[in-house]
């Protein structure tokens, strides 16, 4: 059994669009709270790549059959005669153009998956019908229900112009903090120790006393030390 470096290189190049799609998707929505193994991650890349290449190959076939059928015929012969490497080198600029387009397609496919995962139009549509929800849950398909943590669902930014302000009541008479939410950890609801970072922070020891602005860049708090949080959403141009 010999190790085929060429085959491995072709596989890696073919999977790159799927990898790019997955990274683009996770730049829009956070990764799953359930950590995936390396095999599962690679499987995601492969599935993404298969979908991307399937669509692109169909498009290329239509274009070549219309503009240059001889090239398409030569490709078919190369596949039949197992001379695909020679055909690829002879048409290297076409192959390079295909690879670049696959990267672009991977990026936009990742954006599409990210937007769909963020807005979840199909889940929300199906979730509105109770009988569909009960049917899917009855056969073990629970994805129709919202799985995002409550913490993330409340605090997440729904538009680029949205700002989140919070008023935090600390436990044990630790006072009150008020400020703009800058960042927070995305953890399961069962995990109480979740950090969140506030900027432009004001503090008061008692709720009836006036707030005083803190002379600091920000304050890092932990949800385990919090009694309650009041959340207010504002648009940037209205602040």
Protein backbone atom coordinates (compact mmCIF):
# COMPACT_ATOMS: atom_id res chain seq x y z
CA UNK A 1 0.00 0.00 0.00
CA UNK A 2 1.55 3.30 -1.14
CA UNK A 3 0.88 6.75 0.21
CA UNK A 4 -0.56 8.93 -2.58
CA UNK A 5 0.55 12.50 -1.87
CA UNK A 6 -1.19 13.79 -4.99
CA UNK A 7 -4.53 12.34 -3.91
CA UNK A 8 -4.15 13.84 -0.45
CA UNK A 9 -3.35 17.24 -1.94
CA UNK A 10 -6.39 17.09 -4.22
CA UNK A 11 -8.58 16.14 -1.25
CA UNK A 12 -7.27 19.05 0.84
CA UNK A 13 -7.78 21.53 -1.99
CA UNK A 14 -11.29 20.18 -2.57
CA UNK A 15 -12.19 20.56 1.12
CA UNK A 16 -10.90 24.14 1.47
CA UNK A 17 -14.19 25.71 0.22
CA UNK A 18 -16.10 23.75 2.88
CA UNK A 19 -13.63 24.84 5.55
CA UNK A 20 -14.00 28.47 4.45
CA UNK A 21 -17.81 28.13 4.52
CA UNK A 22 -17.74 26.76 8.07
CA UNK A 23 -15.41 29.50 9.33
CA UNK A 24 -17.55 32.19 7.68
CA UNK A 25 -20.67 30.70 9.23
CA UNK A 26 -19.13 30.76 12.71
CA UNK A 27 -18.10 34.39 12.24
CA UNK A 28 -21.84 35.19 12.11
CA UNK A 29 -23.19 32.79 14.72
CA UNK A 30 -21.35 31.23 17.69
CA UNK A 31 -20.20 27.65 17.58
CA UNK A 32 -22.30 24.93 19.14
CA UNK A 33 -21.99 24.53 22.89
CA UNK A 34 -21.38 20.82 22.32
CA UNK A 35 -17.74 20.39 21.34
CA UNK A 36 -17.27 18.37 18.16
CA UNK A 37 -14.53 15.87 17.54
CA UNK A 38 -11.97 16.32 14.77
CA UNK A 39 -13.81 13.72 12.68
CA UNK A 40 -17.12 15.56 13.06
CA UNK A 41 -15.48 18.88 12.15
CA UNK A 42 -13.90 17.32 9.06
CA UNK A 43 -17.25 15.81 8.16
CA UNK A 44 -18.80 19.29 8.19
CA UNK A 45 -16.08 20.53 5.84
CA UNK A 46 -16.59 17.59 3.48
CA UNK A 47 -20.38 17.97 3.36
CA UNK A 48 -20.10 21.70 2.72
CA UNK A 49 -17.54 21.08 -0.02
CA UNK A 50 -19.68 18.40 -1.69
CA UNK A 51 -22.63 20.78 -1.88
CA UNK A 52 -20.48 23.62 -3.21
CA UNK A 53 -18.74 21.47 -5.83
CA UNK A 54 -22.01 19.86 -6.92
CA UNK A 55 -23.56 23.24 -7.72
CA UNK A 56 -20.40 24.65 -9.33
CA UNK A 57 -19.83 21.55 -11.48
CA UNK A 58 -23.40 21.76 -12.74
CA UNK A 59 -22.88 25.43 -13.61
CA UNK A 60 -19.52 24.74 -15.31
CA UNK A 61 -21.06 21.89 -17.29
CA UNK A 62 -23.81 24.16 -18.60
CA UNK A 63 -21.35 26.92 -19.49
CA UNK A 64 -18.87 24.60 -21.23
CA UNK A 65 -21.61 22.75 -23.14
CA UNK A 66 -22.75 26.10 -24.49
CA UNK A 67 -19.45 27.95 -25.03
CA UNK A 68 -16.82 25.22 -25.52
CA UNK A 69 -18.28 21.72 -25.92
CA UNK A 70 -14.95 20.32 -27.12
CA UNK A 71 -13.37 21.04 -23.73
CA UNK A 72 -16.23 19.25 -22.00
CA UNK A 73 -15.87 16.30 -24.34
CA UNK A 74 -12.12 16.16 -23.69
CA UNK A 75 -12.83 16.16 -19.94
CA UNK A 76 -15.18 13.20 -20.34
CA UNK A 77 -12.54 11.29 -22.25
CA UNK A 78 -9.88 12.13 -19.66
CA UNK A 79 -12.08 10.76 -16.89
CA UNK A 80 -12.81 7.59 -18.87
CA UNK A 81 -9.15 7.04 -19.77
CA UNK A 82 -7.93 8.01 -16.27
CA UNK A 83 -5.90 10.91 -17.65
CA UNK A 84 -7.52 13.60 -15.55
CA UNK A 85 -4.20 14.97 -14.28
CA UNK A 86 -2.99 15.61 -17.85
CA UNK A 87 -6.27 17.32 -18.76
CA UNK A 88 -6.08 19.48 -15.62
CA UNK A 89 -2.54 20.61 -16.46
CA UNK A 90 -3.49 21.37 -20.07
CA UNK A 91 -6.44 23.45 -18.84
CA UNK A 92 -4.72 24.74 -15.70
CA UNK A 93 -6.10 28.26 -16.02
CA UNK A 94 -9.63 26.89 -16.21
CA UNK A 95 -8.93 24.70 -13.16
CA UNK A 96 -7.48 27.71 -11.30
CA UNK A 97 -10.56 29.79 -12.16
CA UNK A 98 -12.78 26.98 -10.86
CA UNK A 99 -10.81 26.79 -7.61
CA UNK A 100 -11.04 30.56 -7.04
CA UNK A 101 -14.77 30.47 -7.76
CA UNK A 102 -15.18 27.57 -5.31
CA UNK A 103 -13.56 29.72 -2.59
CA UNK A 104 -15.92 32.59 -3.36
CA UNK A 105 -18.86 30.19 -3.36
CA UNK A 106 -17.68 28.77 -0.03
CA UNK A 107 -17.64 32.23 1.51
CA UNK A 108 -21.16 33.07 0.35
CA UNK A 109 -22.43 29.62 1.32
CA UNK A 110 -21.08 30.23 4.82
CA UNK A 111 -22.78 33.63 4.93
CA UNK A 112 -26.06 32.03 3.85
CA UNK A 113 -25.83 29.30 6.49
CA UNK A 114 -24.87 31.86 9.14
CA UNK A 115 -27.80 34.14 8.34
CA UNK A 116 -30.24 31.22 8.30
CA UNK A 117 -28.86 29.93 11.61
CA UNK A 118 -29.06 33.41 13.13
CA UNK A 119 -32.62 34.19 12.04
CA UNK A 120 -33.87 30.57 11.92
CA UNK A 121 -36.80 31.29 9.57
CA UNK A 122 -37.72 27.64 9.05
CA UNK A 123 -37.55 26.72 12.73
CA UNK A 124 -39.63 29.75 13.69
CA UNK A 125 -42.16 29.01 10.97
CA UNK A 126 -42.54 25.38 12.01
CA UNK A 127 -42.45 26.28 15.69
CA UNK A 128 -45.57 28.36 15.21
CA UNK A 129 -47.60 25.22 14.52
CA UNK A 130 -48.00 23.26 17.74
CA UNK A 131 -49.08 20.07 16.00
CA UNK A 132 -45.92 20.10 13.86
CA UNK A 133 -43.78 20.68 16.96
CA UNK A 134 -45.43 17.76 18.77
CA UNK A 135 -45.07 15.52 15.70
CA UNK A 136 -41.36 16.27 15.25
CA UNK A 137 -40.64 15.87 18.95
CA UNK A 138 -42.59 12.62 18.95
CA UNK A 139 -40.19 11.13 16.39
CA UNK A 140 -37.15 12.52 18.19
CA UNK A 141 -36.50 15.67 16.14
CA UNK A 142 -36.12 18.35 18.80
CA UNK A 143 -34.35 20.93 16.61
CA UNK A 144 -37.67 22.68 16.00
CA UNK A 145 -37.37 24.02 19.53
CA UNK A 146 -35.03 26.87 20.31
CA UNK A 147 -31.76 25.42 21.68
CA UNK A 148 -29.85 28.65 22.23
CA UNK A 149 -29.16 29.49 25.88
CA UNK A 150 -31.54 32.03 27.43
CA UNK A 151 -28.47 34.11 28.29
CA UNK A 152 -27.51 34.34 24.61
CA UNK A 153 -31.08 34.82 23.39
CA UNK A 154 -31.61 37.84 25.64
CA UNK A 155 -28.27 39.58 25.21
CA UNK A 156 -27.33 38.85 21.62
CA UNK A 157 -27.09 41.74 19.18
CA UNK A 158 -29.76 41.50 16.48
CA UNK A 159 -28.44 44.35 14.31
CA UNK A 160 -25.18 46.26 13.94
CA UNK A 161 -26.78 49.47 15.27
CA UNK A 162 -28.22 47.87 18.41
CA UNK A 163 -26.69 48.55 21.81
CA UNK A 164 -27.49 46.66 25.00
CA UNK A 165 -27.54 48.43 28.36
CA UNK A 166 -27.87 46.59 31.64
CA UNK A 167 -28.56 47.48 35.26
CA UNK A 168 -27.04 44.82 37.51
CA UNK A 169 -28.08 44.16 41.12
CA UNK A 170 -25.27 42.35 42.93
CA UNK A 171 -25.84 39.75 45.63
CA UNK A 172 -25.14 40.37 49.31
CA UNK A 173 -25.61 44.11 49.14
CA UNK A 174 -22.80 44.51 46.60
CA UNK A 175 -24.47 47.50 45.03
CA UNK A 176 -25.72 48.28 41.54
CA UNK A 177 -23.83 48.57 38.26
CA UNK A 178 -25.21 50.18 35.11
CA UNK A 179 -23.49 50.36 31.75
CA UNK A 180 -23.20 49.21 28.17
CA UNK A 181 -22.71 45.49 27.58
CA UNK A 182 -19.50 45.02 25.59
CA UNK A 183 -19.01 41.26 25.60
CA UNK A 184 -20.11 38.09 27.39
CA UNK A 185 -19.38 34.39 27.49
CA UNK A 186 -21.77 32.02 25.71
CA UNK A 187 -22.32 29.05 28.01
CA UNK A 188 -25.15 26.69 28.84
CA UNK A 189 -27.88 27.96 31.16
CA UNK A 190 -26.85 25.39 33.77
CA UNK A 191 -23.45 27.08 34.15
CA UNK A 192 -23.86 30.04 36.47
CA UNK A 193 -20.26 31.26 36.24
CA UNK A 194 -20.58 33.40 33.12
CA UNK A 195 -18.43 36.51 32.75
CA UNK A 196 -19.71 39.67 31.12
CA UNK A 197 -17.94 42.96 30.49
CA UNK A 198 -19.45 46.45 30.83
CA UNK A 199 -18.11 49.79 29.60
CA UNK A 200 -19.17 53.33 30.48
CA UNK A 201 -20.09 51.96 33.90
CA UNK A 202 -21.91 53.74 36.72
CA UNK A 203 -22.16 52.44 40.28
CA UNK A 204 -24.24 53.05 43.37
CA UNK A 205 -24.32 51.27 46.69
CA UNK A 206 -28.07 51.69 47.12
CA UNK A 207 -30.70 51.88 44.42
CA UNK A 208 -32.19 55.12 45.78
CA UNK A 209 -28.80 56.91 45.72
CA UNK A 210 -27.49 58.65 42.59
CA UNK A 211 -25.12 56.73 40.32
CA UNK A 212 -21.46 57.75 40.04
CA UNK A 213 -19.42 57.11 36.88
CA UNK A 214 -16.44 54.85 37.53
CA UNK A 215 -13.01 56.05 36.52
CA UNK A 216 -12.10 52.87 34.63
CA UNK A 217 -12.19 51.42 31.12
CA UNK A 218 -14.79 48.87 32.16
CA UNK A 219 -15.94 46.34 34.74
CA UNK A 220 -15.80 42.56 34.45
CA UNK A 221 -18.60 40.85 36.40
CA UNK A 222 -19.70 37.27 36.88
CA UNK A 223 -23.30 36.13 36.67
CA UNK A 224 -22.83 33.90 39.73
CA UNK A 225 -22.49 37.07 41.84
CA UNK A 226 -25.58 38.73 40.33
CA UNK A 227 -29.03 38.84 41.86
CA UNK A 228 -30.83 40.26 38.82
CA UNK A 229 -30.17 42.07 35.54
CA UNK A 230 -32.40 44.65 33.88
CA UNK A 231 -31.81 44.74 30.10
CA UNK A 232 -32.53 47.69 27.80
CA UNK A 233 -32.01 47.69 24.00
CA UNK A 234 -31.35 50.94 22.12
CA UNK A 235 -30.43 51.84 18.56
CA UNK A 236 -27.07 53.54 18.20
CA UNK A 237 -28.42 56.72 16.55
CA UNK A 238 -31.00 57.15 19.35
CA UNK A 239 -28.46 57.02 22.19
